[in-house]
Amino acid sequence: MKKPAPLLVYTVLRLLAFLVPLAILWFFFPIFREFWWLAAIFAALIGASISMLFLRTPLSDASARLHERREGRVSGQQADADAEDEAIDAAPDETRRD
């Protein structure tokens, strides 16, 4: 079976790290039903703490995958510069000015 994309795994885990504390605060503490924005702030802080403590490996996998994808691409400017270099190298020696 194919491994899921690391960025998708990390995104889902980060969403769960926010939504689970938000649901716990919302359902078990009635004061947060009235102050929903405070529940969202606390859930965000809890989710950030959880992700820093427990989601290092998925973050490393996701960032490594992004780095590999970026390194695999050749930028448009680099491709253009390479084509110009090949054209200059292919030109006869009389036309070159050094």
PDB file of N, CA and C in Angstrom:
ATOM      1  N   MET A   1       0.828  -1.180   0.000  1.00  0.00           N
ATOM      2  CA  MET A   1       0.000   0.000   0.000  1.00  0.00           C
ATOM      3  C   MET A   1       0.876   1.248   0.000  1.00  0.00           C
ATOM      4  N   LYS A   2       0.457   2.247  -0.723  1.00  0.00           N
ATOM      5  CA  LYS A   2       1.219   3.483  -0.845  1.00  0.00           C
ATOM      6  C   LYS A   2       1.140   4.291   0.447  1.00  0.00           C
ATOM      7  N   LYS A   3       2.285   4.860   0.859  1.00  0.00           N
ATOM      8  CA  LYS A   3       2.304   5.702   2.056  1.00  0.00           C
ATOM      9  C   LYS A   3       1.579   7.013   1.761  1.00  0.00           C
ATOM     10  N   PRO A   4       0.818   7.520   2.734  1.00  0.00           N
ATOM     11  CA  PRO A   4       0.141   8.802   2.508  1.00  0.00           C
ATOM     12  C   PRO A   4       1.152   9.943   2.461  1.00  0.00           C
ATOM     13  N   ALA A   5       0.756  11.026   1.840  1.00  0.00           N
ATOM     14  CA  ALA A   5       1.630  12.182   1.719  1.00  0.00           C
ATOM     15  C   ALA A   5       1.941  12.750   3.105  1.00  0.00           C
ATOM     16  N   PRO A   6       3.213  13.005   3.402  1.00  0.00           N
ATOM     17  CA  PRO A   6       3.582  13.486   4.736  1.00  0.00           C
ATOM     18  C   PRO A   6       2.923  14.818   5.091  1.00  0.00           C
ATOM     19  N   LEU A   7       2.741  15.684   4.109  1.00  0.00           N
ATOM     20  CA  LEU A   7       2.113  16.973   4.390  1.00  0.00           C
ATOM     21  C   LEU A   7       0.649  16.788   4.770  1.00  0.00           C
ATOM     22  N   LEU A   8      -0.019  15.847   4.143  1.00  0.00           N
ATOM     23  CA  LEU A   8      -1.410  15.563   4.482  1.00  0.00           C
ATOM     24  C   LEU A   8      -1.517  14.984   5.893  1.00  0.00           C
ATOM     25  N   VAL A   9      -0.619  14.078   6.237  1.00  0.00           N
ATOM     26  CA  VAL A   9      -0.617  13.481   7.575  1.00  0.00           C
ATOM     27  C   VAL A   9      -0.387  14.559   8.628  1.00  0.00           C
ATOM     28  N   TYR A  10       0.596  15.412   8.394  1.00  0.00           N
ATOM     29  CA  TYR A  10       0.896  16.471   9.355  1.00  0.00           C
ATOM     30  C   TYR A  10      -0.277  17.445   9.488  1.00  0.00           C
ATOM     31  N   THR A  11      -0.915  17.790   8.387  1.00  0.00           N
ATOM     32  CA  THR A  11      -2.051  18.704   8.428  1.00  0.00           C
ATOM     33  C   THR A  11      -3.211  18.110   9.216  1.00  0.00           C
ATOM     34  N   VAL A  12      -3.507  16.859   8.985  1.00  0.00           N
ATOM     35  CA  VAL A  12      -4.606  16.205   9.706  1.00  0.00           C
ATOM     36  C   VAL A  12      -4.295  16.131  11.202  1.00  0.00           C
ATOM     37  N   LEU A  13      -3.056  15.786  11.549  1.00  0.00           N
ATOM     38  CA  LEU A  13      -2.684  15.710  12.964  1.00  0.00           C
ATOM     39  C   LEU A  13      -2.734  17.077  13.634  1.00  0.00           C
ATOM     40  N   ARG A  14      -2.328  18.128  12.914  1.00  0.00           N
ATOM     41  CA  ARG A  14      -2.408  19.478  13.483  1.00  0.00           C
ATOM     42  C   ARG A  14      -3.853  19.903  13.688  1.00  0.00           C
ATOM     43  N   LEU A  15      -4.714  19.579  12.735  1.00  0.00           N
ATOM     44  CA  LEU A  15      -6.132  19.902  12.900  1.00  0.00           C
ATOM     45  C   LEU A  15      -6.730  19.164  14.094  1.00  0.00           C
ATOM     46  N   LEU A  16      -6.373  17.897  14.247  1.00  0.00           N
ATOM     47  CA  LEU A  16      -6.856  17.142  15.402  1.00  0.00           C
ATOM     48  C   LEU A  16      -6.322  17.710  16.713  1.00  0.00           C
ATOM     49  N   ALA A  17      -5.065  18.177  16.700  1.00  0.00           N
ATOM     50  CA  ALA A  17      -4.480  18.761  17.905  1.00  0.00           C
ATOM     51  C   ALA A  17      -5.200  20.042  18.299  1.00  0.00           C
ATOM     52  N   PHE A  18      -5.889  20.681  17.365  1.00  0.00           N
ATOM     53  CA  PHE A  18      -6.686  21.868  17.681  1.00  0.00           C
ATOM     54  C   PHE A  18      -8.140  21.513  17.983  1.00  0.00           C
ATOM     55  N   LEU A  19      -8.733  20.660  17.166  1.00  0.00           N
ATOM     56  CA  LEU A  19     -10.159  20.391  17.292  1.00  0.00           C
ATOM     57  C   LEU A  19     -10.524  19.557  18.519  1.00  0.00           C
ATOM     58  N   VAL A  20      -9.688  18.619  18.908  1.00  0.00           N
ATOM     59  CA  VAL A  20      -9.998  17.800  20.088  1.00  0.00           C
ATOM     60  C   VAL A  20     -10.011  18.640  21.362  1.00  0.00           C
ATOM     61  N   PRO A  21      -8.983  19.464  21.621  1.00  0.00           N
ATOM     62  CA  PRO A  21      -9.084  20.329  22.810  1.00  0.00           C
ATOM     63  C   PRO A  21     -10.244  21.326  22.725  1.00  0.00           C
ATOM     64  N   LEU A  22     -10.537  21.807  21.534  1.00  0.00           N
ATOM     65  CA  LEU A  22     -11.671  22.719  21.382  1.00  0.00           C
ATOM     66  C   LEU A  22     -12.975  22.021  21.749  1.00  0.00           C
ATOM     67  N   ALA A  23     -13.153  20.808  21.303  1.00  0.00           N
ATOM     68  CA  ALA A  23     -14.370  20.058  21.629  1.00  0.00           C
ATOM     69  C   ALA A  23     -14.446  19.758  23.128  1.00  0.00           C
ATOM     70  N   ILE A  24     -13.326  19.402  23.724  1.00  0.00           N
ATOM     71  CA  ILE A  24     -13.315  19.126  25.169  1.00  0.00           C
ATOM     72  C   ILE A  24     -13.672  20.384  25.952  1.00  0.00           C
ATOM     73  N   LEU A  25     -13.062  21.505  25.580  1.00  0.00           N
ATOM     74  CA  LEU A  25     -13.383  22.759  26.269  1.00  0.00           C
ATOM     75  C   LEU A  25     -14.841  23.147  26.062  1.00  0.00           C
ATOM     76  N   TRP A  26     -15.339  22.961  24.864  1.00  0.00           N
ATOM     77  CA  TRP A  26     -16.707  23.374  24.526  1.00  0.00           C
ATOM     78  C   TRP A  26     -17.746  22.538  25.275  1.00  0.00           C
ATOM     79  N   PHE A  27     -17.545  21.218  25.316  1.00  0.00           N
ATOM     80  CA  PHE A  27     -18.571  20.341  25.881  1.00  0.00           C
ATOM     81  C   PHE A  27     -18.472  20.157  27.400  1.00  0.00           C
ATOM     82  N   PHE A  28     -17.298  20.217  27.962  1.00  0.00           N
ATOM     83  CA  PHE A  28     -17.148  19.917  29.382  1.00  0.00           C
ATOM     84  C   PHE A  28     -17.046  21.143  30.286  1.00  0.00           C
ATOM     85  N   PHE A  29     -16.850  22.300  29.698  1.00  0.00           N
ATOM     86  CA  PHE A  29     -16.767  23.527  30.481  1.00  0.00           C
ATOM     87  C   PHE A  29     -17.792  24.524  29.937  1.00  0.00           C
ATOM     88  N   PRO A  30     -18.919  24.675  30.628  1.00  0.00           N
ATOM     89  CA  PRO A  30     -20.015  25.508  30.112  1.00  0.00           C
ATOM     90  C   PRO A  30     -19.644  26.971  29.903  1.00  0.00           C
ATOM     91  N   ILE A  31     -18.673  27.478  30.630  1.00  0.00           N
ATOM     92  CA  ILE A  31     -18.302  28.884  30.472  1.00  0.00           C
ATOM     93  C   ILE A  31     -17.756  29.155  29.071  1.00  0.00           C
ATOM     94  N   PHE A  32     -17.132  28.136  28.464  1.00  0.00           N
ATOM     95  CA  PHE A  32     -16.556  28.319  27.126  1.00  0.00           C
ATOM     96  C   PHE A  32     -17.622  28.324  26.035  1.00  0.00           C
ATOM     97  N   ARG A  33     -18.844  27.918  26.353  1.00  0.00           N
ATOM     98  CA  ARG A  33     -19.919  28.030  25.371  1.00  0.00           C
ATOM     99  C   ARG A  33     -20.296  29.491  25.175  1.00  0.00           C
ATOM    100  N   GLU A  34     -20.202  30.237  26.260  1.00  0.00           N
ATOM    101  CA  GLU A  34     -20.510  31.661  26.167  1.00  0.00           C
ATOM    102  C   GLU A  34     -19.343  32.439  25.565  1.00  0.00           C
ATOM    103  N   PHE A  35     -18.138  32.100  26.011  1.00  0.00           N
ATOM    104  CA  PHE A  35     -16.932  32.765  25.499  1.00  0.00           C
ATOM    105  C   PHE A  35     -16.221  31.831  24.520  1.00  0.00           C
ATOM    106  N   TRP A  36     -16.814  31.641  23.345  1.00  0.00           N
ATOM    107  CA  TRP A  36     -16.283  30.711  22.357  1.00  0.00           C
ATOM    108  C   TRP A  36     -14.912  31.140  21.863  1.00  0.00           C
ATOM    109  N   TRP A  37     -14.670  32.445  21.802  1.00  0.00           N
ATOM    110  CA  TRP A  37     -13.385  32.945  21.316  1.00  0.00           C
ATOM    111  C   TRP A  37     -12.266  32.601  22.301  1.00  0.00           C
ATOM    112  N   LEU A  38     -12.591  32.569  23.582  1.00  0.00           N
ATOM    113  CA  LEU A  38     -11.598  32.180  24.579  1.00  0.00           C
ATOM    114  C   LEU A  38     -11.275  30.690  24.465  1.00  0.00           C
ATOM    115  N   ALA A  39     -12.303  29.896  24.184  1.00  0.00           N
ATOM    116  CA  ALA A  39     -12.077  28.460  23.961  1.00  0.00           C
ATOM    117  C   ALA A  39     -11.182  28.242  22.746  1.00  0.00           C
ATOM    118  N   ALA A  40     -11.376  29.035  21.694  1.00  0.00           N
ATOM    119  CA  ALA A  40     -10.552  28.902  20.492  1.00  0.00           C
ATOM    120  C   ALA A  40      -9.100  29.280  20.784  1.00  0.00           C
ATOM    121  N   ILE A  41      -8.915  30.319  21.597  1.00  0.00           N
ATOM    122  CA  ILE A  41      -7.542  30.718  21.942  1.00  0.00           C
ATOM    123  C   ILE A  41      -6.855  29.629  22.758  1.00  0.00           C
ATOM    124  N   PHE A  42      -7.552  29.111  23.787  1.00  0.00           N
ATOM    125  CA  PHE A  42      -6.959  28.046  24.592  1.00  0.00           C
ATOM    126  C   PHE A  42      -6.707  26.791  23.758  1.00  0.00           C
ATOM    127  N   ALA A  43      -7.614  26.452  22.867  1.00  0.00           N
ATOM    128  CA  ALA A  43      -7.419  25.273  22.017  1.00  0.00           C
ATOM    129  C   ALA A  43      -6.225  25.470  21.090  1.00  0.00           C
ATOM    130  N   ALA A  44      -6.039  26.687  20.596  1.00  0.00           N
ATOM    131  CA  ALA A  44      -4.886  26.959  19.737  1.00  0.00           C
ATOM    132  C   ALA A  44      -3.584  26.825  20.519  1.00  0.00           C
ATOM    133  N   LEU A  45      -3.564  27.323  21.744  1.00  0.00           N
ATOM    134  CA  LEU A  45      -2.360  27.195  22.567  1.00  0.00           C
ATOM    135  C   LEU A  45      -2.071  25.740  22.916  1.00  0.00           C
ATOM    136  N   ILE A  46      -3.109  25.003  23.256  1.00  0.00           N
ATOM    137  CA  ILE A  46      -2.933  23.583  23.567  1.00  0.00           C
ATOM    138  C   ILE A  46      -2.482  22.823  22.317  1.00  0.00           C
ATOM    139  N   GLY A  47      -3.097  23.120  21.181  1.00  0.00           N
ATOM    140  CA  GLY A  47      -2.720  22.457  19.932  1.00  0.00           C
ATOM    141  C   GLY A  47      -1.293  22.753  19.524  1.00  0.00           C
ATOM    142  N   ALA A  48      -0.851  24.001  19.720  1.00  0.00           N
ATOM    143  CA  ALA A  48       0.539  24.339  19.395  1.00  0.00           C
ATOM    144  C   ALA A  48       1.502  23.594  20.316  1.00  0.00           C
ATOM    145  N   SER A  49       1.137  23.483  21.586  1.00  0.00           N
ATOM    146  CA  SER A  49       1.987  22.751  22.529  1.00  0.00           C
ATOM    147  C   SER A  49       2.063  21.272  22.174  1.00  0.00           C
ATOM    148  N   ILE A  50       0.924  20.699  21.852  1.00  0.00           N
ATOM    149  CA  ILE A  50       0.889  19.283  21.463  1.00  0.00           C
ATOM    150  C   ILE A  50       1.724  19.052  20.216  1.00  0.00           C
ATOM    151  N   SER A  51       1.609  19.949  19.244  1.00  0.00           N
ATOM    152  CA  SER A  51       2.343  19.745  17.997  1.00  0.00           C
ATOM    153  C   SER A  51       3.848  19.892  18.210  1.00  0.00           C
ATOM    154  N   MET A  52       4.255  20.814  19.080  1.00  0.00           N
ATOM    155  CA  MET A  52       5.695  20.958  19.347  1.00  0.00           C
ATOM    156  C   MET A  52       6.252  19.745  20.080  1.00  0.00           C
ATOM    157  N   LEU A  53       5.451  19.167  20.957  1.00  0.00           N
ATOM    158  CA  LEU A  53       5.937  18.038  21.740  1.00  0.00           C
ATOM    159  C   LEU A  53       5.884  16.710  21.001  1.00  0.00           C
ATOM    160  N   PHE A  54       4.808  16.472  20.262  1.00  0.00           N
ATOM    161  CA  PHE A  54       4.563  15.133  19.726  1.00  0.00           C
ATOM    162  C   PHE A  54       4.614  15.010  18.205  1.00  0.00           C
ATOM    163  N   LEU A  55       4.632  16.115  17.486  1.00  0.00           N
ATOM    164  CA  LEU A  55       4.556  16.018  16.028  1.00  0.00           C
ATOM    165  C   LEU A  55       5.854  16.422  15.341  1.00  0.00           C
ATOM    166  N   ARG A  56       6.978  16.199  15.981  1.00  0.00           N
ATOM    167  CA  ARG A  56       8.253  16.537  15.349  1.00  0.00           C
ATOM    168  C   ARG A  56       8.546  15.643  14.143  1.00  0.00           C
ATOM    169  N   THR A  57       8.290  14.364  14.271  1.00  0.00           N
ATOM    170  CA  THR A  57       8.588  13.434  13.175  1.00  0.00           C
ATOM    171  C   THR A  57       7.727  13.713  11.947  1.00  0.00           C
ATOM    172  N   PRO A  58       6.402  13.869  12.079  1.00  0.00           N
ATOM    173  CA  PRO A  58       5.623  14.205  10.888  1.00  0.00           C
ATOM    174  C   PRO A  58       6.027  15.550  10.269  1.00  0.00           C
ATOM    175  N   LEU A  59       6.408  16.521  11.108  1.00  0.00           N
ATOM    176  CA  LEU A  59       6.862  17.808  10.577  1.00  0.00           C
ATOM    177  C   LEU A  59       8.160  17.638   9.808  1.00  0.00           C
ATOM    178  N   SER A  60       9.082  16.847  10.345  1.00  0.00           N
ATOM    179  CA  SER A  60      10.354  16.599   9.649  1.00  0.00           C
ATOM    180  C   SER A  60      10.123  15.884   8.321  1.00  0.00           C
ATOM    181  N   ASP A  61       9.229  14.903   8.322  1.00  0.00           N
ATOM    182  CA  ASP A  61       8.915  14.187   7.078  1.00  0.00           C
ATOM    183  C   ASP A  61       8.302  15.121   6.040  1.00  0.00           C
ATOM    184  N   ALA A  62       7.378  15.962   6.479  1.00  0.00           N
ATOM    185  CA  ALA A  62       6.709  16.881   5.551  1.00  0.00           C
ATOM    186  C   ALA A  62       7.691  17.897   4.986  1.00  0.00           C
ATOM    187  N   SER A  63       8.543  18.457   5.844  1.00  0.00           N
ATOM    188  CA  SER A  63       9.495  19.455   5.349  1.00  0.00           C
ATOM    189  C   SER A  63      10.562  18.817   4.461  1.00  0.00           C
ATOM    190  N   ALA A  64      10.963  17.586   4.763  1.00  0.00           N
ATOM    191  CA  ALA A  64      11.923  16.901   3.898  1.00  0.00           C
ATOM    192  C   ALA A  64      11.319  16.629   2.525  1.00  0.00           C
ATOM    193  N   ARG A  65      10.050  16.247   2.509  1.00  0.00           N
ATOM    194  CA  ARG A  65       9.372  15.999   1.229  1.00  0.00           C
ATOM    195  C   ARG A  65       9.264  17.283   0.405  1.00  0.00           C
ATOM    196  N   LEU A  66       8.920  18.393   1.075  1.00  0.00           N
ATOM    197  CA  LEU A  66       8.857  19.679   0.370  1.00  0.00           C
ATOM    198  C   LEU A  66      10.221  20.081  -0.168  1.00  0.00           C
ATOM    199  N   HIS A  67      11.268  19.833   0.601  1.00  0.00           N
ATOM    200  CA  HIS A  67      12.624  20.163   0.164  1.00  0.00           C
ATOM    201  C   HIS A  67      13.017  19.325  -1.044  1.00  0.00           C
ATOM    202  N   GLU A  68      12.695  18.037  -1.021  1.00  0.00           N
ATOM    203  CA  GLU A  68      13.003  17.165  -2.158  1.00  0.00           C
ATOM    204  C   GLU A  68      12.275  17.629  -3.415  1.00  0.00           C
ATOM    205  N   ARG A  69      11.019  18.003  -3.260  1.00  0.00           N
ATOM    206  CA  ARG A  69      10.253  18.457  -4.422  1.00  0.00           C
ATOM    207  C   ARG A  69      10.819  19.757  -4.975  1.00  0.00           C
ATOM    208  N   ARG A  70      11.232  20.663  -4.075  1.00  0.00           N
ATOM    209  CA  ARG A  70      11.776  21.937  -4.542  1.00  0.00           C
ATOM    210  C   ARG A  70      13.122  21.737  -5.210  1.00  0.00           C
ATOM    211  N   GLU A  71      13.963  20.868  -4.686  1.00  0.00           N
ATOM    212  CA  GLU A  71      15.271  20.602  -5.278  1.00  0.00           C
ATOM    213  C   GLU A  71      15.132  19.900  -6.626  1.00  0.00           C
ATOM    214  N   GLY A  72      14.068  19.135  -6.810  1.00  0.00           N
ATOM    215  CA  GLY A  72      13.872  18.410  -8.055  1.00  0.00           C
ATOM    216  C   GLY A  72      13.459  19.307  -9.217  1.00  0.00           C
ATOM    217  N   ARG A  73      12.901  20.446  -8.896  1.00  0.00           N
ATOM    218  CA  ARG A  73      12.468  21.366  -9.948  1.00  0.00           C
ATOM    219  C   ARG A  73      13.625  22.222 -10.423  1.00  0.00           C
ATOM    220  N   VAL A  74      13.585  22.533 -11.699  1.00  0.00           N
ATOM    221  CA  VAL A  74      14.521  23.498 -12.250  1.00  0.00           C
ATOM    222  C   VAL A  74      13.713  24.765 -12.497  1.00  0.00           C
ATOM    223  N   SER A  75      14.162  25.853 -11.937  1.00  0.00           N
ATOM    224  CA  SER A  75      13.404  27.091 -12.088  1.00  0.00           C
ATOM    225  C   SER A  75      13.446  27.564 -13.537  1.00  0.00           C
ATOM    226  N   GLY A  76      12.503  28.393 -13.893  1.00  0.00           N
ATOM    227  CA  GLY A  76      12.432  28.908 -15.249  1.00  0.00           C
ATOM    228  C   GLY A  76      13.652  29.740 -15.606  1.00  0.00           C
ATOM    229  N   GLN A  77      14.146  30.537 -14.663  1.00  0.00           N
ATOM    230  CA  GLN A  77      15.325  31.361 -14.922  1.00  0.00           C
ATOM    231  C   GLN A  77      16.560  30.490 -15.107  1.00  0.00           C
ATOM    232  N   GLN A  78      16.672  29.435 -14.307  1.00  0.00           N
ATOM    233  CA  GLN A  78      17.828  28.554 -14.430  1.00  0.00           C
ATOM    234  C   GLN A  78      17.788  27.806 -15.756  1.00  0.00           C
ATOM    235  N   ALA A  79      16.609  27.358 -16.171  1.00  0.00           N
ATOM    236  CA  ALA A  79      16.488  26.666 -17.463  1.00  0.00           C
ATOM    237  C   ALA A  79      16.850  27.605 -18.602  1.00  0.00           C
ATOM    238  N   ASP A  80      16.442  28.876 -18.498  1.00  0.00           N
ATOM    239  CA  ASP A  80      16.761  29.862 -19.524  1.00  0.00           C
ATOM    240  C   ASP A  80      18.269  30.129 -19.567  1.00  0.00           C
ATOM    241  N   ALA A  81      18.875  30.243 -18.398  1.00  0.00           N
ATOM    242  CA  ALA A  81      20.324  30.468 -18.337  1.00  0.00           C
ATOM    243  C   ALA A  81      21.087  29.267 -18.896  1.00  0.00           C
ATOM    244  N   ASP A  82      20.616  28.068 -18.615  1.00  0.00           N
ATOM    245  CA  ASP A  82      21.264  26.873 -19.160  1.00  0.00           C
ATOM    246  C   ASP A  82      21.155  26.834 -20.678  1.00  0.00           C
ATOM    247  N   ALA A  83      19.992  27.210 -21.215  1.00  0.00           N
ATOM    248  CA  ALA A  83      19.819  27.224 -22.669  1.00  0.00           C
ATOM    249  C   ALA A  83      20.745  28.262 -23.314  1.00  0.00           C
ATOM    250  N   GLU A  84      20.899  29.423 -22.683  1.00  0.00           N
ATOM    251  CA  GLU A  84      21.812  30.435 -23.214  1.00  0.00           C
ATOM    252  C   GLU A  84      23.250  29.951 -23.170  1.00  0.00           C
ATOM    253  N   ASP A  85      23.639  29.285 -22.095  1.00  0.00           N
ATOM    254  CA  ASP A  85      24.996  28.751 -21.994  1.00  0.00           C
ATOM    255  C   ASP A  85      25.265  27.712 -23.070  1.00  0.00           C
ATOM    256  N   GLU A  86      24.291  26.855 -23.326  1.00  0.00           N
ATOM    257  CA  GLU A  86      24.453  25.846 -24.385  1.00  0.00           C
ATOM    258  C   GLU A  86      24.568  26.509 -25.755  1.00  0.00           C
ATOM    259  N   ALA A  87      23.788  27.563 -26.002  1.00  0.00           N
ATOM    260  CA  ALA A  87      23.858  28.262 -27.288  1.00  0.00           C
ATOM    261  C   ALA A  87      25.213  28.935 -27.463  1.00  0.00           C
ATOM    262  N   ILE A  88      25.745  29.509 -26.397  1.00  0.00           N
ATOM    263  CA  ILE A  88      27.057  30.159 -26.476  1.00  0.00           C
ATOM    264  C   ILE A  88      28.146  29.117 -26.686  1.00  0.00           C
ATOM    265  N   ASP A  89      28.042  27.991 -26.001  1.00  0.00           N
ATOM    266  CA  ASP A  89      29.044  26.939 -26.158  1.00  0.00           C
ATOM    267  C   ASP A  89      29.002  26.312 -27.547  1.00  0.00           C
ATOM    268  N   ALA A  90      27.837  26.283 -28.160  1.00  0.00           N
ATOM    269  CA  ALA A  90      27.703  25.680 -29.483  1.00  0.00           C
ATOM    270  C   ALA A  90      28.129  26.637 -30.594  1.00  0.00           C
ATOM    271  N   ALA A  91      28.275  27.917 -30.313  1.00  0.00           N
ATOM    272  CA  ALA A  91      28.641  28.905 -31.336  1.00  0.00           C
ATOM    273  C   ALA A  91      30.091  28.690 -31.768  1.00  0.00           C
ATOM    274  N   PRO A  92      30.380  28.979 -33.023  1.00  0.00           N
ATOM    275  CA  PRO A  92      31.773  28.863 -33.492  1.00  0.00           C
ATOM    276  C   PRO A  92      32.673  29.855 -32.749  1.00  0.00           C
ATOM    277  N   ASP A  93      33.985  29.555 -32.731  1.00  0.00           N
ATOM    278  CA  ASP A  93      34.927  30.372 -31.967  1.00  0.00           C
ATOM    279  C   ASP A  93      35.080  31.779 -32.527  1.00  0.00           C
ATOM    280  N   GLU A  94      34.894  31.991 -33.854  1.00  0.00           N
ATOM    281  CA  GLU A  94      35.097  33.334 -34.426  1.00  0.00           C
ATOM    282  C   GLU A  94      34.062  34.328 -33.925  1.00  0.00           C
ATOM    283  N   THR A  95      32.877  33.849 -33.623  1.00  0.00           N
ATOM    284  CA  THR A  95      31.815  34.767 -33.226  1.00  0.00           C
ATOM    285  C   THR A  95      31.861  35.112 -31.740  1.00  0.00           C
ATOM    286  N   ARG A  96      32.652  34.421 -30.994  1.00  0.00           N
ATOM    287  CA  ARG A  96      32.751  34.681 -29.562  1.00  0.00           C
ATOM    288  C   ARG A  96      33.657  35.873 -29.283  1.00  0.00           C
ATOM    289  N   ARG A  97      33.266  36.665 -28.322  1.00  0.00           N
ATOM    290  CA  ARG A  97      34.117  37.759 -27.862  1.00  0.00           C
ATOM    291  C   ARG A  97      34.458  37.500 -26.403  1.00  0.00           C
ATOM    292  N   ASP A  98      35.682  37.268 -26.102  1.00  0.00           N
ATOM    293  CA  ASP A  98      36.072  36.992 -24.720  1.00  0.00           C
ATOM    294  C   ASP A  98      36.745  38.179 -24.111  1.00  0.00           C
TER     295      ASP A  98
END
